[in-house]
C-alpha atoms as a PDB file:
ATOM      1  CA  GLN A   1      36.237 -69.573 -51.503  1.00  0.00           C
ATOM      2  CA  VAL A   2      32.629 -68.840 -50.636  1.00  0.00           C
ATOM      3  CA  GLN A   3      31.720 -69.505 -47.009  1.00  0.00           C
ATOM      4  CA  LEU A   4      28.506 -69.083 -45.049  1.00  0.00           C
ATOM      5  CA  VAL A   5      28.621 -69.442 -41.267  1.00  0.00           C
ATOM      6  CA  GLU A   6      25.402 -69.489 -39.260  1.00  0.00           C
ATOM      7  CA  SER A   7      25.126 -68.787 -35.558  1.00  0.00           C
ATOM      8  CA  GLY A   8      22.513 -67.977 -32.950  1.00  0.00           C
ATOM      9  CA  GLY A   9      20.569 -71.195 -32.658  1.00  0.00           C
ATOM     10  CA  GLY A  10      19.676 -72.847 -29.387  1.00  0.00           C
ATOM     11  CA  LEU A  11      16.938 -74.065 -27.096  1.00  0.00           C
ATOM     12  CA  VAL A  12      14.107 -71.662 -26.334  1.00  0.00           C
ATOM     13  CA  GLN A  13      10.717 -71.926 -24.668  1.00  0.00           C
ATOM     14  CA  PRO A  14       7.527 -71.448 -26.660  1.00  0.00           C
ATOM     15  CA  GLY A  15       6.839 -67.751 -27.101  1.00  0.00           C
ATOM     16  CA  GLY A  16      10.513 -66.915 -26.940  1.00  0.00           C
ATOM     17  CA  SER A  17      12.808 -65.293 -29.464  1.00  0.00           C
ATOM     18  CA  LEU A  18      16.078 -66.024 -31.218  1.00  0.00           C
ATOM     19  CA  ARG A  19      18.172 -64.124 -33.716  1.00  0.00           C
ATOM     20  CA  LEU A  20      20.097 -66.117 -36.283  1.00  0.00           C
ATOM     21  CA  SER A  21      23.079 -64.675 -38.115  1.00  0.00           C
ATOM     22  CA  CYS A  22      24.783 -65.816 -41.299  1.00  0.00           C
ATOM     23  CA  ALA A  23      28.170 -64.333 -42.073  1.00  0.00           C
ATOM     24  CA  VAL A  24      29.179 -64.571 -45.724  1.00  0.00           C
ATOM     25  CA  SER A  25      32.661 -64.358 -47.198  1.00  0.00           C
ATOM     26  CA  GLY A  26      34.334 -64.957 -50.535  1.00  0.00           C
ATOM     27  CA  THR A  27      31.732 -63.215 -52.665  1.00  0.00           C
ATOM     28  CA  ILE A  28      30.286 -59.764 -53.325  1.00  0.00           C
ATOM     29  CA  PHE A  29      27.616 -60.026 -50.664  1.00  0.00           C
ATOM     30  CA  ARG A  30      25.717 -56.845 -51.516  1.00  0.00           C
ATOM     31  CA  LEU A  31      24.862 -58.223 -54.956  1.00  0.00           C
ATOM     32  CA  LYS A  32      23.480 -61.509 -53.665  1.00  0.00           C
ATOM     33  CA  HIS A  33      19.950 -62.555 -52.898  1.00  0.00           C
ATOM     34  CA  MET A  34      19.903 -64.502 -49.647  1.00  0.00           C
ATOM     35  CA  GLY A  35      17.571 -67.051 -48.129  1.00  0.00           C
ATOM     36  CA  TRP A  36      16.920 -68.771 -44.819  1.00  0.00           C
ATOM     37  CA  TYR A  37      15.703 -72.351 -44.992  1.00  0.00           C
ATOM     38  CA  ARG A  38      14.859 -74.930 -42.381  1.00  0.00           C
ATOM     39  CA  GLN A  39      14.631 -78.680 -42.198  1.00  0.00           C
ATOM     40  CA  ALA A  40      12.703 -80.419 -39.467  1.00  0.00           C
ATOM     41  CA  PRO A  41      13.274 -84.117 -38.689  1.00  0.00           C
ATOM     42  CA  GLY A  42      11.648 -86.291 -41.330  1.00  0.00           C
ATOM     43  CA  LYS A  43      10.641 -83.329 -43.471  1.00  0.00           C
ATOM     44  CA  GLN A  44      11.957 -81.662 -46.596  1.00  0.00           C
ATOM     45  CA  ARG A  45      14.004 -78.515 -46.415  1.00  0.00           C
ATOM     46  CA  GLU A  46      11.768 -75.478 -46.908  1.00  0.00           C
ATOM     47  CA  LEU A  47      12.262 -71.798 -47.599  1.00  0.00           C
ATOM     48  CA  VAL A  48      11.473 -69.665 -44.569  1.00  0.00           C
ATOM     49  CA  ALA A  49      12.371 -66.188 -45.802  1.00  0.00           C
ATOM     50  CA  SER A  50      14.371 -64.487 -48.511  1.00  0.00           C
ATOM     51  CA  ILE A  51      15.800 -61.055 -49.131  1.00  0.00           C
ATOM     52  CA  THR A  52      16.980 -59.639 -52.420  1.00  0.00           C
ATOM     53  CA  SER A  53      20.046 -57.501 -53.000  1.00  0.00           C
ATOM     54  CA  SER A  54      17.727 -54.474 -52.845  1.00  0.00           C
ATOM     55  CA  SER A  55      16.230 -55.755 -49.561  1.00  0.00           C
ATOM     56  CA  THR A  56      12.870 -56.874 -50.880  1.00  0.00           C
ATOM     57  CA  THR A  57      11.667 -59.605 -48.546  1.00  0.00           C
ATOM     58  CA  ASN A  58       9.491 -62.669 -48.909  1.00  0.00           C
ATOM     59  CA  TYR A  59       8.184 -65.019 -46.207  1.00  0.00           C
ATOM     60  CA  ALA A  60       6.640 -68.426 -45.950  1.00  0.00           C
ATOM     61  CA  ASP A  61       2.995 -68.310 -44.882  1.00  0.00           C
ATOM     62  CA  SER A  62       3.760 -70.383 -41.794  1.00  0.00           C
ATOM     63  CA  ILE A  63       6.038 -67.764 -40.251  1.00  0.00           C
ATOM     64  CA  GLU A  64       4.836 -64.445 -41.651  1.00  0.00           C
ATOM     65  CA  GLY A  65       4.385 -61.865 -38.958  1.00  0.00           C
ATOM     66  CA  ARG A  66       6.657 -63.726 -36.529  1.00  0.00           C
ATOM     67  CA  PHE A  67      10.006 -63.747 -38.332  1.00  0.00           C
ATOM     68  CA  THR A  68      11.934 -60.892 -39.929  1.00  0.00           C
ATOM     69  CA  ILE A  69      14.803 -61.256 -42.381  1.00  0.00           C
ATOM     70  CA  SER A  70      17.295 -58.434 -42.756  1.00  0.00           C
ATOM     71  CA  ARG A  71      20.787 -57.824 -44.051  1.00  0.00           C
ATOM     72  CA  ASP A  72      23.803 -55.690 -43.255  1.00  0.00           C
ATOM     73  CA  ASN A  73      25.892 -55.319 -46.387  1.00  0.00           C
ATOM     74  CA  ALA A  74      28.768 -53.679 -44.538  1.00  0.00           C
ATOM     75  CA  ALA A  75      28.977 -56.669 -42.203  1.00  0.00           C
ATOM     76  CA  LYS A  76      28.239 -59.142 -45.024  1.00  0.00           C
ATOM     77  CA  THR A  77      25.654 -60.744 -42.782  1.00  0.00           C
ATOM     78  CA  VAL A  78      22.033 -61.774 -43.128  1.00  0.00           C
ATOM     79  CA  TYR A  79      19.827 -62.126 -40.068  1.00  0.00           C
ATOM     80  CA  LEU A  80      16.641 -63.923 -39.131  1.00  0.00           C
ATOM     81  CA  GLN A  81      14.833 -62.487 -36.123  1.00  0.00           C
ATOM     82  CA  MET A  82      12.414 -65.114 -34.836  1.00  0.00           C
ATOM     83  CA  ASN A  83       9.702 -64.109 -32.374  1.00  0.00           C
ATOM     84  CA  SER A  84       6.742 -65.935 -30.865  1.00  0.00           C
ATOM     85  CA  LEU A  85       8.451 -69.245 -31.484  1.00  0.00           C
ATOM     86  CA  ILE A  86       6.339 -72.396 -31.421  1.00  0.00           C
ATOM     87  CA  PRO A  87       7.404 -76.053 -31.204  1.00  0.00           C
ATOM     88  CA  GLU A  88       6.718 -76.458 -34.926  1.00  0.00           C
ATOM     89  CA  ASP A  89       9.610 -74.059 -35.590  1.00  0.00           C
ATOM     90  CA  THR A  90      12.054 -76.685 -34.313  1.00  0.00           C
ATOM     91  CA  ALA A  91      14.474 -77.459 -37.133  1.00  0.00           C
ATOM     92  CA  VAL A  92      17.976 -76.971 -38.423  1.00  0.00           C
ATOM     93  CA  TYR A  93      18.129 -73.540 -40.033  1.00  0.00           C
ATOM     94  CA  TYR A  94      20.361 -72.904 -43.032  1.00  0.00           C
ATOM     95  CA  CYS A  95      21.281 -69.808 -44.961  1.00  0.00           C
ATOM     96  CA  LYS A  96      21.860 -69.920 -48.687  1.00  0.00           C
ATOM     97  CA  ILE A  97      22.992 -67.665 -51.460  1.00  0.00           C
ATOM     98  CA  GLU A  98      19.948 -67.827 -53.707  1.00  0.00           C
ATOM     99  CA  GLN A  99      20.380 -69.070 -57.279  1.00  0.00           C
ATOM    100  CA  THR A 100      23.552 -70.903 -56.241  1.00  0.00           C
ATOM    101  CA  ASN A 101      24.391 -74.075 -54.377  1.00  0.00           C
ATOM    102  CA  TYR A 102      26.209 -72.307 -51.563  1.00  0.00           C
ATOM    103  CA  TRP A 103      24.821 -73.252 -48.152  1.00  0.00           C
ATOM    104  CA  GLY A 104      25.871 -72.765 -44.589  1.00  0.00           C
ATOM    105  CA  GLN A 105      26.417 -75.657 -42.221  1.00  0.00           C
ATOM    106  CA  GLY A 106      23.167 -75.074 -40.352  1.00  0.00           C
ATOM    107  CA  THR A 107      22.259 -74.076 -36.821  1.00  0.00           C
ATOM    108  CA  GLN A 108      19.846 -76.019 -34.618  1.00  0.00           C
ATOM    109  CA  VAL A 109      16.763 -74.319 -33.208  1.00  0.00           C
ATOM    110  CA  ALA A 110      14.710 -76.211 -30.643  1.00  0.00           C
ATOM    111  CA  VAL A 111      11.491 -74.821 -29.189  1.00  0.00           C
ATOM    112  CA  SER A 112      10.352 -76.723 -26.145  1.00  0.00           C
ATOM    113  CA  SER A 113       9.146 -76.200 -22.604  1.00  0.00           C
END
């Protein structure tokens, strides 16, 4: 059974940082392309960043330069390092195995003073 478990969300002040983790089980992680998505209240879910099995990365324009996606194949985990957070980054963040319908349960990120 494929499972994705996110962690690392929380409340942070503007300008702060968070590191999200997504632990994956039940599949051959190193062969999978992975993505981080977010959904803010009243908005559609959007792709934030993705990383291929060969670690090629892609970022949404709204976060480029502030967020970094990475993966550890030995740990079967994908990460999202988020720096210089702004209130507009407030959302539930989800990880996903790209080209599948496997999603994590989401982790809440709130950026507020």
